[in-house]
Amino acid sequence: MVNQGTILGRVGKIETKPLNSGGSVTNISMATSKRFMKNGEKQEKVTWHNVACFGKTSEIAESYVKVGDMLYIQGEMENQKYTAQDGSERTKSYILANVLTMLPKAKEQKPEPKKTEFNPDFIDDEIPF
């Protein structure tokens, strides 16, 4: 059987909390989006995902991940039942991350364009045409 969740998206919120066991958990709220056409108009659907990181993954996320960063996450899908403030039973789904890859920022992905200057007075007598 396979239980795996994979997302590539942007960090909306990140929070690290200590655990009674001495470690920590880092909870990350991430957004993914898809674009499509509906009735001739461009549409975008944003989906929010919950990610939980423990151990070394939590330490890395706490130290290096910031709001707005692009992350690639892989892990096991989990469901957690809880009682809401109004007394109703609810279920929260999340990915228990075992792979967290930080992707380069947009500025780091694009190489700087080379600057060239055009000199209209330049004449090269060596060119045969």
C-alpha atoms as a PDB file:
ATOM      1  CA  MET A   1       0.000   0.000   0.000  1.00  0.00           C
ATOM      2  CA  VAL A   2       1.087   3.557  -0.642  1.00  0.00           C
ATOM      3  CA  ASN A   3       0.349   6.621   1.454  1.00  0.00           C
ATOM      4  CA  GLN A   4       2.204   9.601   0.031  1.00  0.00           C
ATOM      5  CA  GLY A   5       1.415  13.267  -0.404  1.00  0.00           C
ATOM      6  CA  THR A   6       3.496  15.550  -2.625  1.00  0.00           C
ATOM      7  CA  ILE A   7       3.049  19.296  -3.011  1.00  0.00           C
ATOM      8  CA  LEU A   8       4.969  22.171  -4.550  1.00  0.00           C
ATOM      9  CA  GLY A   9       3.814  25.518  -3.253  1.00  0.00           C
ATOM     10  CA  ARG A  10       4.467  28.670  -1.260  1.00  0.00           C
ATOM     11  CA  VAL A  11       4.628  29.056   2.503  1.00  0.00           C
ATOM     12  CA  GLY A  12       1.781  31.095   3.958  1.00  0.00           C
ATOM     13  CA  LYS A  13       2.494  30.596   7.644  1.00  0.00           C
ATOM     14  CA  ILE A  14       5.151  28.786   9.664  1.00  0.00           C
ATOM     15  CA  GLU A  15       5.143  28.106  13.402  1.00  0.00           C
ATOM     16  CA  THR A  16       7.374  25.963  15.608  1.00  0.00           C
ATOM     17  CA  LYS A  17       6.174  24.606  18.958  1.00  0.00           C
ATOM     18  CA  PRO A  18       8.059  22.624  21.598  1.00  0.00           C
ATOM     19  CA  LEU A  19       6.918  19.084  22.403  1.00  0.00           C
ATOM     20  CA  ASN A  20       6.724  17.512  25.853  1.00  0.00           C
ATOM     21  CA  SER A  21       9.259  14.931  24.635  1.00  0.00           C
ATOM     22  CA  GLY A  22      11.886  17.656  24.241  1.00  0.00           C
ATOM     23  CA  GLY A  23      11.759  17.953  20.454  1.00  0.00           C
ATOM     24  CA  SER A  24       9.706  20.347  18.391  1.00  0.00           C
ATOM     25  CA  VAL A  25       7.084  20.360  15.656  1.00  0.00           C
ATOM     26  CA  THR A  26       7.065  22.906  12.860  1.00  0.00           C
ATOM     27  CA  ASN A  27       3.660  23.446  11.275  1.00  0.00           C
ATOM     28  CA  ILE A  28       3.635  24.981   7.813  1.00  0.00           C
ATOM     29  CA  SER A  29       0.587  26.242   5.957  1.00  0.00           C
ATOM     30  CA  MET A  30       1.241  26.066   2.199  1.00  0.00           C
ATOM     31  CA  ALA A  31      -0.670  27.258  -0.843  1.00  0.00           C
ATOM     32  CA  THR A  32      -0.782  25.558  -4.220  1.00  0.00           C
ATOM     33  CA  SER A  33      -2.631  26.932  -7.220  1.00  0.00           C
ATOM     34  CA  LYS A  34      -3.801  25.923 -10.640  1.00  0.00           C
ATOM     35  CA  ARG A  35      -4.887  28.111 -13.526  1.00  0.00           C
ATOM     36  CA  PHE A  36      -7.607  27.202 -15.986  1.00  0.00           C
ATOM     37  CA  MET A  37     -10.123  28.676 -18.409  1.00  0.00           C
ATOM     38  CA  LYS A  38     -13.822  28.700 -17.520  1.00  0.00           C
ATOM     39  CA  ASN A  39     -16.407  30.254 -19.831  1.00  0.00           C
ATOM     40  CA  GLY A  40     -13.586  31.977 -21.725  1.00  0.00           C
ATOM     41  CA  GLU A  41     -12.168  33.638 -18.603  1.00  0.00           C
ATOM     42  CA  LYS A  42      -8.897  32.903 -16.855  1.00  0.00           C
ATOM     43  CA  GLN A  43      -9.482  31.412 -13.406  1.00  0.00           C
ATOM     44  CA  GLU A  44      -7.175  30.446 -10.560  1.00  0.00           C
ATOM     45  CA  LYS A  45      -7.940  28.031  -7.740  1.00  0.00           C
ATOM     46  CA  VAL A  46      -5.819  28.190  -4.591  1.00  0.00           C
ATOM     47  CA  THR A  47      -5.722  25.224  -2.211  1.00  0.00           C
ATOM     48  CA  TRP A  48      -4.230  25.410   1.288  1.00  0.00           C
ATOM     49  CA  HIS A  49      -2.348  22.454   2.764  1.00  0.00           C
ATOM     50  CA  ASN A  50      -1.146  21.664   6.275  1.00  0.00           C
ATOM     51  CA  VAL A  51       2.359  20.252   6.712  1.00  0.00           C
ATOM     52  CA  ALA A  52       3.902  18.956   9.961  1.00  0.00           C
ATOM     53  CA  CYS A  53       7.677  18.546  10.380  1.00  0.00           C
ATOM     54  CA  PHE A  54       9.381  16.691  13.239  1.00  0.00           C
ATOM     55  CA  GLY A  55      13.002  16.000  14.198  1.00  0.00           C
ATOM     56  CA  LYS A  56      15.722  17.250  11.868  1.00  0.00           C
ATOM     57  CA  THR A  57      13.129  18.353   9.280  1.00  0.00           C
ATOM     58  CA  SER A  58      11.566  20.601  11.936  1.00  0.00           C
ATOM     59  CA  GLU A  59      14.956  22.101  12.817  1.00  0.00           C
ATOM     60  CA  ILE A  60      15.727  22.860   9.168  1.00  0.00           C
ATOM     61  CA  ALA A  61      12.284  24.380   8.567  1.00  0.00           C
ATOM     62  CA  GLU A  62      12.518  26.530  11.696  1.00  0.00           C
ATOM     63  CA  SER A  63      15.981  27.834  10.777  1.00  0.00           C
ATOM     64  CA  TYR A  64      15.670  28.419   7.044  1.00  0.00           C
ATOM     65  CA  VAL A  65      12.051  28.503   5.815  1.00  0.00           C
ATOM     66  CA  LYS A  66      10.300  31.884   5.606  1.00  0.00           C
ATOM     67  CA  VAL A  67       6.836  33.043   4.534  1.00  0.00           C
ATOM     68  CA  GLY A  68       6.688  33.241   0.736  1.00  0.00           C
ATOM     69  CA  ASP A  69       9.358  30.574   0.127  1.00  0.00           C
ATOM     70  CA  MET A  70       8.687  27.921  -2.515  1.00  0.00           C
ATOM     71  CA  LEU A  71       8.916  24.399  -1.067  1.00  0.00           C
ATOM     72  CA  TYR A  72       8.683  20.874  -2.413  1.00  0.00           C
ATOM     73  CA  ILE A  73       7.203  18.576   0.247  1.00  0.00           C
ATOM     74  CA  GLN A  74       6.845  14.797   0.284  1.00  0.00           C
ATOM     75  CA  GLY A  75       5.466  12.767   3.130  1.00  0.00           C
ATOM     76  CA  GLU A  76       2.774  10.596   4.588  1.00  0.00           C
ATOM     77  CA  MET A  77      -0.838  11.785   4.589  1.00  0.00           C
ATOM     78  CA  GLU A  78      -2.350  11.890   8.084  1.00  0.00           C
ATOM     79  CA  ASN A  79      -5.766  12.721   9.523  1.00  0.00           C
ATOM     80  CA  GLN A  80      -6.303  14.054  13.036  1.00  0.00           C
ATOM     81  CA  LYS A  81      -9.715  14.199  14.696  1.00  0.00           C
ATOM     82  CA  TYR A  82     -10.432  17.029  17.123  1.00  0.00           C
ATOM     83  CA  THR A  83     -13.319  18.817  18.790  1.00  0.00           C
ATOM     84  CA  ALA A  84     -13.935  22.380  17.587  1.00  0.00           C
ATOM     85  CA  GLN A  85     -14.870  25.242  19.932  1.00  0.00           C
ATOM     86  CA  ASP A  86     -18.529  24.785  19.023  1.00  0.00           C
ATOM     87  CA  GLY A  87     -18.344  21.143  20.176  1.00  0.00           C
ATOM     88  CA  SER A  88     -18.480  19.574  16.714  1.00  0.00           C
ATOM     89  CA  GLU A  89     -16.132  16.768  15.715  1.00  0.00           C
ATOM     90  CA  ARG A  90     -13.773  17.721  12.888  1.00  0.00           C
ATOM     91  CA  THR A  91     -10.922  16.147  10.955  1.00  0.00           C
ATOM     92  CA  LYS A  92      -7.729  17.913   9.940  1.00  0.00           C
ATOM     93  CA  SER A  93      -5.665  16.463   7.085  1.00  0.00           C
ATOM     94  CA  TYR A  94      -1.954  17.136   6.816  1.00  0.00           C
ATOM     95  CA  ILE A  95       1.261  15.850   5.316  1.00  0.00           C
ATOM     96  CA  LEU A  96       3.822  14.475   7.749  1.00  0.00           C
ATOM     97  CA  ALA A  97       6.906  15.706   5.865  1.00  0.00           C
ATOM     98  CA  ASN A  98       9.929  13.492   5.431  1.00  0.00           C
ATOM     99  CA  VAL A  99      11.284  15.430   2.405  1.00  0.00           C
ATOM    100  CA  LEU A 100      11.522  19.207   2.481  1.00  0.00           C
ATOM    101  CA  THR A 101      13.306  20.853  -0.434  1.00  0.00           C
ATOM    102  CA  MET A 102      13.729  24.607  -0.587  1.00  0.00           C
ATOM    103  CA  LEU A 103      13.627  25.964  -4.130  1.00  0.00           C
ATOM    104  CA  PRO A 104      15.605  29.017  -5.236  1.00  0.00           C
ATOM    105  CA  LYS A 105      13.994  32.418  -5.054  1.00  0.00           C
ATOM    106  CA  ALA A 106      12.796  33.923  -8.346  1.00  0.00           C
ATOM    107  CA  LYS A 107      15.745  36.350  -8.448  1.00  0.00           C
ATOM    108  CA  GLU A 108      18.177  33.451  -8.005  1.00  0.00           C
ATOM    109  CA  GLN A 109      16.641  31.460 -10.870  1.00  0.00           C
ATOM    110  CA  LYS A 110      17.051  34.084 -13.589  1.00  0.00           C
ATOM    111  CA  PRO A 111      20.579  34.898 -14.751  1.00  0.00           C
ATOM    112  CA  GLU A 112      21.354  38.562 -15.176  1.00  0.00           C
ATOM    113  CA  PRO A 113      21.083  39.626 -18.817  1.00  0.00           C
ATOM    114  CA  LYS A 114      24.389  40.445 -20.443  1.00  0.00           C
ATOM    115  CA  LYS A 115      24.772  44.108 -21.204  1.00  0.00           C
ATOM    116  CA  THR A 116      26.031  44.894 -24.666  1.00  0.00           C
ATOM    117  CA  GLU A 117      26.517  48.277 -26.168  1.00  0.00           C
ATOM    118  CA  PHE A 118      25.952  49.099 -29.786  1.00  0.00           C
ATOM    119  CA  ASN A 119      28.399  51.549 -31.288  1.00  0.00           C
ATOM    120  CA  PRO A 120      27.087  52.830 -34.654  1.00  0.00           C
ATOM    121  CA  ASP A 121      30.479  54.426 -35.432  1.00  0.00           C
ATOM    122  CA  PHE A 122      32.276  51.069 -35.341  1.00  0.00           C
ATOM    123  CA  ILE A 123      33.469  49.954 -38.766  1.00  0.00           C
ATOM    124  CA  ASP A 124      35.383  46.761 -39.170  1.00  0.00           C
ATOM    125  CA  ASP A 125      37.395  46.731 -42.386  1.00  0.00           C
ATOM    126  CA  GLU A 126      38.212  43.060 -41.907  1.00  0.00           C
ATOM    127  CA  ILE A 127      34.632  41.927 -42.614  1.00  0.00           C
ATOM    128  CA  PRO A 128      34.534  40.840 -46.316  1.00  0.00           C
ATOM    129  CA  PHE A 129      30.943  41.937 -47.008  1.00  0.00           C
END
